[in-house]
């Protein structure tokens, strides 16, 4: 138990030895000066430009919308090509439209035939009415049939 009274003294002396180190002191050593190069100015042409990201859009655009139904038989333009107003862009299969045209023409001819018959009947009823052989109702009916036949011809 000899060390009982000396414990704090030993601890202090050990601490003192650690603080003093090996006797070397830290010294600051300045870094070397940076190397600087000097150049004379150069005169040259510089093209200004800008790099940017974004989207582009056409100034003039056309939206192609079908006005009639049918199968496309031929495309008469190329993407990006310039076209003039009135230039056909697509050829649509003409057979269904030819059939519809022929049906409409047949309907028109039928309406004309009905009109000729209605006009003849009206003329006949006028002559009979003038001789007091036919009634006014028959004449009115013939006039209505004639006018209806005229309207059917215009519609066809």
N, C-alpha and C. Protein backbone atom coordinates (compact mmCIF):
# COMPACT_ATOMS: atom_id res chain seq x y z
N UNK A 1 0.80 -1.18 0.00
CA UNK A 1 0.00 0.00 0.00
C UNK A 1 0.84 1.24 0.00
N UNK A 2 1.96 1.07 -0.46
CA UNK A 2 2.84 2.22 -0.52
C UNK A 2 2.39 3.21 -1.56
N UNK A 3 1.72 2.73 -2.54
CA UNK A 3 1.32 3.60 -3.65
C UNK A 3 0.07 4.39 -3.36
N UNK A 4 -0.54 4.20 -2.22
CA UNK A 4 -1.81 4.83 -1.94
C UNK A 4 -1.70 6.34 -1.92
N UNK A 5 -0.70 6.90 -1.38
CA UNK A 5 -0.57 8.35 -1.29
C UNK A 5 0.08 8.93 -2.52
N UNK A 6 0.68 8.07 -3.30
CA UNK A 6 1.41 8.56 -4.46
C UNK A 6 0.59 8.46 -5.76
N UNK A 7 -0.56 7.94 -5.77
CA UNK A 7 -1.39 7.74 -6.97
C UNK A 7 -1.64 9.03 -7.74
N UNK A 8 -2.03 10.09 -7.03
CA UNK A 8 -2.28 11.32 -7.79
C UNK A 8 -1.00 11.93 -8.31
N UNK A 9 0.10 11.76 -7.63
CA UNK A 9 1.37 12.33 -8.08
C UNK A 9 1.83 11.59 -9.33
N UNK A 10 1.68 10.28 -9.34
CA UNK A 10 2.08 9.49 -10.50
C UNK A 10 1.21 9.83 -11.71
N UNK A 11 -0.02 9.99 -11.50
CA UNK A 11 -0.94 10.31 -12.60
C UNK A 11 -0.58 11.65 -13.21
N UNK A 12 -0.23 12.64 -12.35
CA UNK A 12 0.14 13.96 -12.85
C UNK A 12 1.43 13.90 -13.62
N UNK A 13 2.39 13.14 -13.14
CA UNK A 13 3.67 13.06 -13.83
C UNK A 13 3.51 12.34 -15.16
N UNK A 14 2.67 11.34 -15.23
CA UNK A 14 2.42 10.62 -16.50
C UNK A 14 1.75 11.56 -17.50
N UNK A 15 0.87 12.35 -17.02
CA UNK A 15 0.17 13.31 -17.88
C UNK A 15 1.12 14.36 -18.39
N UNK A 16 2.03 14.80 -17.57
CA UNK A 16 3.02 15.80 -17.95
C UNK A 16 3.93 15.24 -19.02
N UNK A 17 4.31 13.99 -18.92
CA UNK A 17 5.18 13.37 -19.92
C UNK A 17 4.46 13.25 -21.27
N UNK A 18 3.18 12.94 -21.21
CA UNK A 18 2.41 12.83 -22.46
C UNK A 18 2.29 14.18 -23.13
N UNK A 19 2.08 15.22 -22.35
CA UNK A 19 1.88 16.55 -22.92
C UNK A 19 3.17 17.08 -23.53
N UNK A 20 4.27 16.82 -22.93
CA UNK A 20 5.54 17.33 -23.46
C UNK A 20 5.99 16.52 -24.66
N UNK A 21 5.51 15.30 -24.85
CA UNK A 21 5.83 14.47 -26.00
C UNK A 21 7.27 14.07 -25.99
N UNK A 22 7.80 13.96 -27.18
CA UNK A 22 9.17 13.50 -27.31
C UNK A 22 10.12 14.68 -27.36
N UNK A 23 9.68 15.82 -27.12
CA UNK A 23 10.53 16.99 -27.14
C UNK A 23 10.44 17.73 -28.47
N UNK A 24 9.73 17.22 -29.49
CA UNK A 24 9.60 17.92 -30.77
C UNK A 24 8.43 18.87 -30.69
N UNK A 25 8.58 19.96 -31.37
CA UNK A 25 7.48 20.92 -31.42
C UNK A 25 6.96 20.98 -32.86
N UNK A 26 5.69 21.26 -32.99
CA UNK A 26 5.09 21.41 -34.32
C UNK A 26 5.53 22.71 -34.93
N UNK A 27 5.95 22.64 -36.17
CA UNK A 27 6.34 23.86 -36.87
C UNK A 27 5.53 23.96 -38.15
N UNK A 28 5.12 25.14 -38.50
CA UNK A 28 4.34 25.38 -39.72
C UNK A 28 5.30 25.56 -40.87
N UNK A 29 5.06 24.76 -41.94
CA UNK A 29 5.87 24.89 -43.14
C UNK A 29 4.95 25.39 -44.23
N UNK A 30 5.25 26.52 -44.82
CA UNK A 30 4.41 27.12 -45.86
C UNK A 30 4.50 26.29 -47.13
N UNK A 31 3.35 26.12 -47.86
CA UNK A 31 3.38 25.37 -49.12
C UNK A 31 4.13 26.17 -50.17
N UNK A 32 4.62 25.50 -51.23
CA UNK A 32 5.35 26.23 -52.27
C UNK A 32 4.40 27.12 -53.06
N UNK A 33 4.91 28.16 -53.64
CA UNK A 33 4.10 29.11 -54.41
C UNK A 33 3.58 28.41 -55.67
N UNK A 34 2.34 28.71 -56.09
CA UNK A 34 1.80 28.08 -57.29
C UNK A 34 2.49 28.62 -58.53
N UNK A 35 2.59 27.79 -59.59
CA UNK A 35 3.20 28.23 -60.82
C UNK A 35 2.14 28.96 -61.64
N UNK A 36 2.44 30.12 -62.11
CA UNK A 36 1.54 30.95 -62.90
C UNK A 36 2.16 31.17 -64.26
N UNK A 37 1.39 30.87 -65.32
CA UNK A 37 1.88 31.12 -66.67
C UNK A 37 1.18 32.34 -67.21
N UNK A 38 1.85 33.09 -68.01
CA UNK A 38 1.31 34.31 -68.58
C UNK A 38 1.35 34.18 -70.10
N UNK A 39 0.22 34.47 -70.78
CA UNK A 39 0.12 34.39 -72.24
C UNK A 39 -0.34 35.74 -72.76
N UNK A 40 0.05 36.03 -73.97
CA UNK A 40 -0.42 37.25 -74.61
C UNK A 40 -1.81 36.98 -75.20
N UNK A 41 -2.70 37.98 -75.28
CA UNK A 41 -4.04 37.76 -75.82
C UNK A 41 -3.98 37.39 -77.31
N UNK A 42 -4.93 36.54 -77.73
CA UNK A 42 -5.01 36.09 -79.12
C UNK A 42 -6.27 36.69 -79.73
N UNK A 43 -6.16 37.18 -80.95
CA UNK A 43 -7.32 37.77 -81.62
C UNK A 43 -7.78 36.79 -82.70
N UNK A 44 -9.07 36.34 -82.60
CA UNK A 44 -9.60 35.39 -83.57
C UNK A 44 -11.11 35.56 -83.66
N UNK A 45 -11.72 35.01 -84.73
CA UNK A 45 -13.16 35.09 -84.95
C UNK A 45 -13.85 34.02 -84.11
N UNK A 46 -14.92 34.42 -83.43
CA UNK A 46 -15.67 33.50 -82.60
C UNK A 46 -17.12 33.49 -83.09
N UNK A 47 -17.67 32.31 -83.32
CA UNK A 47 -19.07 32.18 -83.73
C UNK A 47 -19.93 32.00 -82.49
N UNK A 48 -20.83 32.94 -82.24
CA UNK A 48 -21.69 32.78 -81.06
C UNK A 48 -22.75 31.71 -81.33
N UNK A 49 -23.05 30.89 -80.35
CA UNK A 49 -24.08 29.87 -80.49
C UNK A 49 -24.68 29.62 -79.12
N UNK A 50 -25.82 28.97 -79.15
CA UNK A 50 -26.53 28.66 -77.91
C UNK A 50 -26.95 27.20 -77.97
N UNK A 51 -26.66 26.47 -76.95
CA UNK A 51 -27.13 25.09 -76.85
C UNK A 51 -28.31 25.08 -75.89
N UNK A 52 -29.42 24.53 -76.38
CA UNK A 52 -30.61 24.46 -75.55
C UNK A 52 -31.38 23.19 -75.91
N UNK A 53 -32.16 22.71 -74.99
CA UNK A 53 -33.02 21.57 -75.26
C UNK A 53 -34.45 22.07 -75.34
N UNK A 54 -35.24 21.41 -76.15
CA UNK A 54 -36.63 21.82 -76.28
C UNK A 54 -37.33 21.01 -77.35
N UNK A 55 -38.52 21.46 -77.71
CA UNK A 55 -39.33 20.81 -78.74
C UNK A 55 -39.54 21.78 -79.88
N UNK A 56 -39.67 21.25 -81.08
CA UNK A 56 -39.95 22.08 -82.23
C UNK A 56 -41.36 21.80 -82.72
N UNK A 57 -41.94 22.78 -83.37
CA UNK A 57 -43.28 22.63 -83.93
C UNK A 57 -43.32 23.37 -85.26
N UNK A 58 -44.07 22.83 -86.20
CA UNK A 58 -44.19 23.44 -87.51
C UNK A 58 -45.01 24.73 -87.40
N UNK A 59 -44.69 25.69 -88.26
CA UNK A 59 -45.42 26.96 -88.27
C UNK A 59 -46.80 26.74 -88.87
N UNK A 60 -46.86 26.03 -89.99
CA UNK A 60 -48.13 25.74 -90.65
C UNK A 60 -48.37 24.24 -90.58
N UNK A 61 -49.54 23.87 -90.11
CA UNK A 61 -49.90 22.47 -90.07
C UNK A 61 -51.26 22.28 -90.72
N UNK A 62 -51.51 21.08 -91.17
CA UNK A 62 -52.78 20.75 -91.79
C UNK A 62 -53.29 19.48 -91.13
N UNK A 63 -54.56 19.51 -90.79
CA UNK A 63 -55.17 18.33 -90.20
C UNK A 63 -55.99 17.65 -91.29
N UNK A 64 -55.60 16.43 -91.65
CA UNK A 64 -56.30 15.70 -92.69
C UNK A 64 -57.48 14.97 -92.07
N UNK A 65 -58.68 15.31 -92.55
CA UNK A 65 -59.89 14.71 -92.05
C UNK A 65 -60.67 14.15 -93.23
N UNK A 66 -61.11 12.92 -93.13
CA UNK A 66 -61.87 12.31 -94.21
C UNK A 66 -63.28 12.91 -94.26
N UNK A 67 -63.70 13.28 -95.46
CA UNK A 67 -65.05 13.81 -95.64
C UNK A 67 -66.02 12.71 -96.03
N UNK A 68 -65.51 11.62 -96.57
CA UNK A 68 -66.34 10.51 -96.99
C UNK A 68 -65.73 9.21 -96.47
N UNK A 69 -66.56 8.17 -96.47
CA UNK A 69 -66.08 6.87 -96.04
C UNK A 69 -65.61 6.09 -97.25
N UNK A 70 -64.69 5.17 -97.02
CA UNK A 70 -64.23 4.32 -98.09
C UNK A 70 -62.82 3.84 -97.83
N UNK A 71 -62.39 2.94 -98.69
CA UNK A 71 -61.04 2.41 -98.60
C UNK A 71 -60.11 3.25 -99.46
N UNK A 72 -58.94 3.56 -98.93
CA UNK A 72 -57.96 4.35 -99.67
C UNK A 72 -57.34 3.44 -100.73
N UNK A 73 -57.44 3.89 -101.99
CA UNK A 73 -56.90 3.12 -103.09
C UNK A 73 -55.48 3.59 -103.44
N UNK A 74 -55.23 4.90 -103.28
CA UNK A 74 -53.93 5.45 -103.65
C UNK A 74 -53.65 6.70 -102.82
N UNK A 75 -52.39 6.88 -102.41
CA UNK A 75 -51.96 8.09 -101.70
C UNK A 75 -51.12 8.89 -102.69
N UNK A 76 -51.50 10.15 -102.95
CA UNK A 76 -50.86 10.92 -104.00
C UNK A 76 -49.95 12.03 -103.47
N UNK A 77 -49.41 11.87 -102.29
CA UNK A 77 -48.47 12.85 -101.75
C UNK A 77 -47.46 12.12 -100.89
N UNK A 78 -46.36 12.81 -100.57
CA UNK A 78 -45.36 12.25 -99.67
C UNK A 78 -45.29 13.14 -98.44
N UNK A 79 -45.04 12.55 -97.29
CA UNK A 79 -44.95 13.32 -96.05
C UNK A 79 -43.88 14.39 -96.19
N UNK A 80 -44.22 15.60 -95.79
CA UNK A 80 -43.28 16.72 -95.82
C UNK A 80 -43.25 17.44 -97.15
N UNK A 81 -43.93 16.92 -98.17
CA UNK A 81 -43.92 17.56 -99.49
C UNK A 81 -44.88 18.75 -99.49
N UNK A 82 -44.58 19.72 -100.34
CA UNK A 82 -45.44 20.88 -100.50
C UNK A 82 -46.53 20.54 -101.51
N UNK A 83 -47.77 20.85 -101.17
CA UNK A 83 -48.89 20.61 -102.08
C UNK A 83 -49.65 21.91 -102.27
N UNK A 84 -50.28 22.04 -103.42
CA UNK A 84 -51.05 23.23 -103.73
C UNK A 84 -52.53 22.99 -103.42
N UNK A 85 -53.24 24.07 -103.22
CA UNK A 85 -54.66 23.99 -102.91
C UNK A 85 -55.39 23.31 -104.07
N UNK A 86 -56.26 22.38 -103.74
CA UNK A 86 -57.03 21.69 -104.75
C UNK A 86 -56.39 20.42 -105.27
N UNK A 87 -55.16 20.15 -104.87
CA UNK A 87 -54.47 18.94 -105.31
C UNK A 87 -55.05 17.74 -104.57
N UNK A 88 -55.47 16.68 -105.30
CA UNK A 88 -55.98 15.50 -104.59
C UNK A 88 -54.86 14.81 -103.82
N UNK A 89 -55.14 14.43 -102.58
CA UNK A 89 -54.14 13.78 -101.74
C UNK A 89 -54.35 12.27 -101.70
N UNK A 90 -55.61 11.84 -101.75
CA UNK A 90 -55.94 10.42 -101.68
C UNK A 90 -56.93 10.08 -102.79
N UNK A 91 -56.88 8.86 -103.26
CA UNK A 91 -57.89 8.33 -104.17
C UNK A 91 -58.62 7.25 -103.38
N UNK A 92 -59.93 7.45 -103.23
CA UNK A 92 -60.75 6.50 -102.49
C UNK A 92 -61.43 5.57 -103.49
N UNK A 93 -61.59 4.32 -103.14
CA UNK A 93 -62.19 3.32 -104.01
C UNK A 93 -63.53 3.84 -104.56
N UNK A 94 -63.67 4.01 -105.89
CA UNK A 94 -64.85 4.67 -106.45
C UNK A 94 -66.07 3.77 -106.64
N UNK A 95 -65.95 2.45 -106.60
CA UNK A 95 -67.07 1.58 -106.93
C UNK A 95 -68.31 1.81 -106.07
N UNK A 96 -68.20 1.93 -104.73
CA UNK A 96 -69.42 2.15 -103.95
C UNK A 96 -70.11 3.47 -104.33
N UNK A 97 -69.34 4.48 -104.70
CA UNK A 97 -69.93 5.76 -105.06
C UNK A 97 -70.56 5.72 -106.44
N UNK A 98 -70.01 4.91 -107.35
CA UNK A 98 -70.62 4.74 -108.66
C UNK A 98 -71.97 4.07 -108.53
N UNK A 99 -72.05 3.07 -107.64
CA UNK A 99 -73.32 2.38 -107.41
C UNK A 99 -74.34 3.35 -106.84
N UNK A 100 -73.94 4.16 -105.89
CA UNK A 100 -74.87 5.15 -105.30
C UNK A 100 -75.32 6.17 -106.34
N UNK A 101 -74.40 6.59 -107.21
CA UNK A 101 -74.74 7.53 -108.27
C UNK A 101 -75.77 6.92 -109.22
N UNK A 102 -75.54 5.68 -109.62
CA UNK A 102 -76.48 5.02 -110.53
C UNK A 102 -77.85 4.85 -109.88
N UNK A 103 -77.87 4.55 -108.58
CA UNK A 103 -79.14 4.44 -107.86
C UNK A 103 -79.86 5.79 -107.83
N UNK A 104 -79.10 6.87 -107.58
CA UNK A 104 -79.70 8.20 -107.54
C UNK A 104 -80.22 8.60 -108.92
N UNK A 105 -79.48 8.27 -109.97
CA UNK A 105 -79.93 8.58 -111.33
C UNK A 105 -81.19 7.80 -111.67
N UNK A 106 -81.25 6.54 -111.25
CA UNK A 106 -82.46 5.75 -111.49
C UNK A 106 -83.63 6.32 -110.72
N UNK A 107 -83.39 6.76 -109.50
CA UNK A 107 -84.47 7.40 -108.73
C UNK A 107 -84.96 8.67 -109.39
N UNK A 108 -84.03 9.44 -109.95
CA UNK A 108 -84.41 10.68 -110.65
C UNK A 108 -85.25 10.36 -111.89
N UNK A 109 -84.83 9.36 -112.65
CA UNK A 109 -85.61 8.97 -113.84
C UNK A 109 -87.00 8.50 -113.45
N UNK A 110 -87.10 7.75 -112.37
CA UNK A 110 -88.42 7.31 -111.90
C UNK A 110 -89.29 8.48 -111.49
N UNK A 111 -88.67 9.47 -110.80
CA UNK A 111 -89.43 10.65 -110.38
C UNK A 111 -89.89 11.45 -111.59
N UNK A 112 -89.07 11.53 -112.64
CA UNK A 112 -89.46 12.24 -113.86
C UNK A 112 -90.63 11.54 -114.55
N UNK A 113 -90.57 10.22 -114.59
CA UNK A 113 -91.67 9.46 -115.21
C UNK A 113 -92.97 9.68 -114.44
N UNK A 114 -92.86 9.69 -113.11
CA UNK A 114 -94.05 9.94 -112.28
C UNK A 114 -94.58 11.35 -112.54
N UNK A 115 -93.67 12.32 -112.71
CA UNK A 115 -94.09 13.69 -112.99
C UNK A 115 -94.81 13.79 -114.34
N UNK A 116 -94.30 13.13 -115.35
CA UNK A 116 -94.95 13.16 -116.66
C UNK A 116 -96.36 12.59 -116.57
N UNK A 117 -96.48 11.49 -115.84
CA UNK A 117 -97.81 10.89 -115.66
C UNK A 117 -98.72 11.83 -114.87
N UNK A 118 -98.20 12.45 -113.82
CA UNK A 118 -99.02 13.34 -113.00
C UNK A 118 -99.44 14.57 -113.78
N UNK A 119 -98.55 15.12 -114.63
CA UNK A 119 -98.92 16.28 -115.45
C UNK A 119 -99.99 15.90 -116.48
N UNK A 120 -99.87 14.71 -117.06
CA UNK A 120 -100.89 14.26 -118.02
C UNK A 120 -102.23 14.08 -117.33
N UNK A 121 -102.22 13.50 -116.14
CA UNK A 121 -103.46 13.32 -115.40
C UNK A 121 -104.06 14.67 -115.01
N UNK A 122 -103.23 15.62 -114.63
CA UNK A 122 -103.73 16.95 -114.26
C UNK A 122 -104.36 17.63 -115.48
N UNK A 123 -103.68 17.56 -116.65
CA UNK A 123 -104.21 18.16 -117.87
C UNK A 123 -105.55 17.51 -118.24
N UNK A 124 -105.61 16.20 -118.13
CA UNK A 124 -106.85 15.47 -118.42
C UNK A 124 -107.97 15.92 -117.48
N UNK A 125 -107.66 16.04 -116.18
CA UNK A 125 -108.67 16.45 -115.22
C UNK A 125 -109.11 17.89 -115.45
N UNK A 126 -108.20 18.76 -115.92
CA UNK A 126 -108.58 20.14 -116.24
C UNK A 126 -109.59 20.16 -117.39
N UNK A 127 -109.30 19.36 -118.45
CA UNK A 127 -110.19 19.32 -119.60
C UNK A 127 -111.56 18.76 -119.21
N UNK A 128 -111.55 17.71 -118.40
CA UNK A 128 -112.82 17.12 -117.95
C UNK A 128 -113.58 18.08 -117.04
N UNK A 129 -112.87 18.81 -116.20
CA UNK A 129 -113.51 19.77 -115.31
C UNK A 129 -114.13 20.91 -116.12
N UNK A 130 -113.44 21.33 -117.21
CA UNK A 130 -113.97 22.40 -118.05
C UNK A 130 -115.27 21.96 -118.74
N UNK A 131 -115.42 20.67 -119.02
CA UNK A 131 -116.63 20.15 -119.66
C UNK A 131 -117.64 19.70 -118.63
N UNK A 132 -117.36 19.91 -117.35
CA UNK A 132 -118.22 19.51 -116.22
C UNK A 132 -118.45 17.99 -116.19
N UNK A 133 -117.44 17.22 -116.60
CA UNK A 133 -117.55 15.77 -116.56
C UNK A 133 -116.90 15.22 -115.29
N UNK A 134 -115.90 15.93 -114.74
CA UNK A 134 -115.17 15.47 -113.56
C UNK A 134 -115.45 16.41 -112.40
N UNK A 135 -115.17 15.94 -111.22
CA UNK A 135 -115.41 16.76 -110.03
C UNK A 135 -114.19 17.62 -109.71
N UNK A 136 -114.45 18.62 -108.90
CA UNK A 136 -113.36 19.49 -108.44
C UNK A 136 -112.37 18.72 -107.57
N UNK A 137 -112.83 17.75 -106.84
CA UNK A 137 -111.96 16.93 -105.98
C UNK A 137 -110.94 16.16 -106.81
N UNK A 138 -111.39 15.61 -107.95
CA UNK A 138 -110.45 14.89 -108.82
C UNK A 138 -109.39 15.83 -109.37
N UNK A 139 -109.79 17.05 -109.73
CA UNK A 139 -108.84 18.04 -110.23
C UNK A 139 -107.83 18.42 -109.14
N UNK A 140 -108.33 18.64 -107.94
CA UNK A 140 -107.45 18.99 -106.82
C UNK A 140 -106.47 17.85 -106.51
N UNK A 141 -106.95 16.63 -106.56
CA UNK A 141 -106.10 15.47 -106.31
C UNK A 141 -105.02 15.37 -107.40
N UNK A 142 -105.37 15.63 -108.65
CA UNK A 142 -104.41 15.58 -109.75
C UNK A 142 -103.37 16.69 -109.61
N UNK A 143 -103.82 17.88 -109.17
CA UNK A 143 -102.88 18.99 -108.96
C UNK A 143 -101.91 18.65 -107.83
N UNK A 144 -102.39 18.06 -106.75
CA UNK A 144 -101.53 17.69 -105.62
C UNK A 144 -100.52 16.62 -106.04
N UNK A 145 -100.98 15.65 -106.83
CA UNK A 145 -100.07 14.60 -107.32
C UNK A 145 -99.00 15.19 -108.23
N UNK A 146 -99.40 16.17 -109.09
CA UNK A 146 -98.43 16.82 -109.98
C UNK A 146 -97.39 17.59 -109.18
N UNK A 147 -97.83 18.36 -108.18
CA UNK A 147 -96.89 19.15 -107.37
C UNK A 147 -95.96 18.26 -106.54
N UNK A 148 -96.50 17.16 -106.05
CA UNK A 148 -95.66 16.21 -105.30
C UNK A 148 -94.62 15.58 -106.21
N UNK A 149 -95.02 15.26 -107.44
CA UNK A 149 -94.09 14.67 -108.40
C UNK A 149 -92.99 15.66 -108.76
N UNK A 150 -93.33 16.94 -108.90
CA UNK A 150 -92.31 17.98 -109.17
C UNK A 150 -91.29 18.05 -108.01
N UNK A 151 -91.80 18.02 -106.79
CA UNK A 151 -90.92 18.09 -105.62
C UNK A 151 -90.02 16.85 -105.57
N UNK A 152 -90.56 15.69 -105.92
CA UNK A 152 -89.76 14.46 -105.92
C UNK A 152 -88.64 14.52 -106.96
N UNK A 153 -88.92 15.16 -108.11
CA UNK A 153 -87.87 15.31 -109.13
C UNK A 153 -86.77 16.22 -108.61
N UNK A 154 -87.14 17.30 -107.96
CA UNK A 154 -86.12 18.21 -107.39
C UNK A 154 -85.30 17.50 -106.29
N UNK A 155 -85.98 16.71 -105.51
CA UNK A 155 -85.28 16.00 -104.44
C UNK A 155 -84.35 14.93 -105.00
N UNK A 156 -84.78 14.26 -106.05
CA UNK A 156 -83.94 13.20 -106.66
C UNK A 156 -82.74 13.83 -107.34
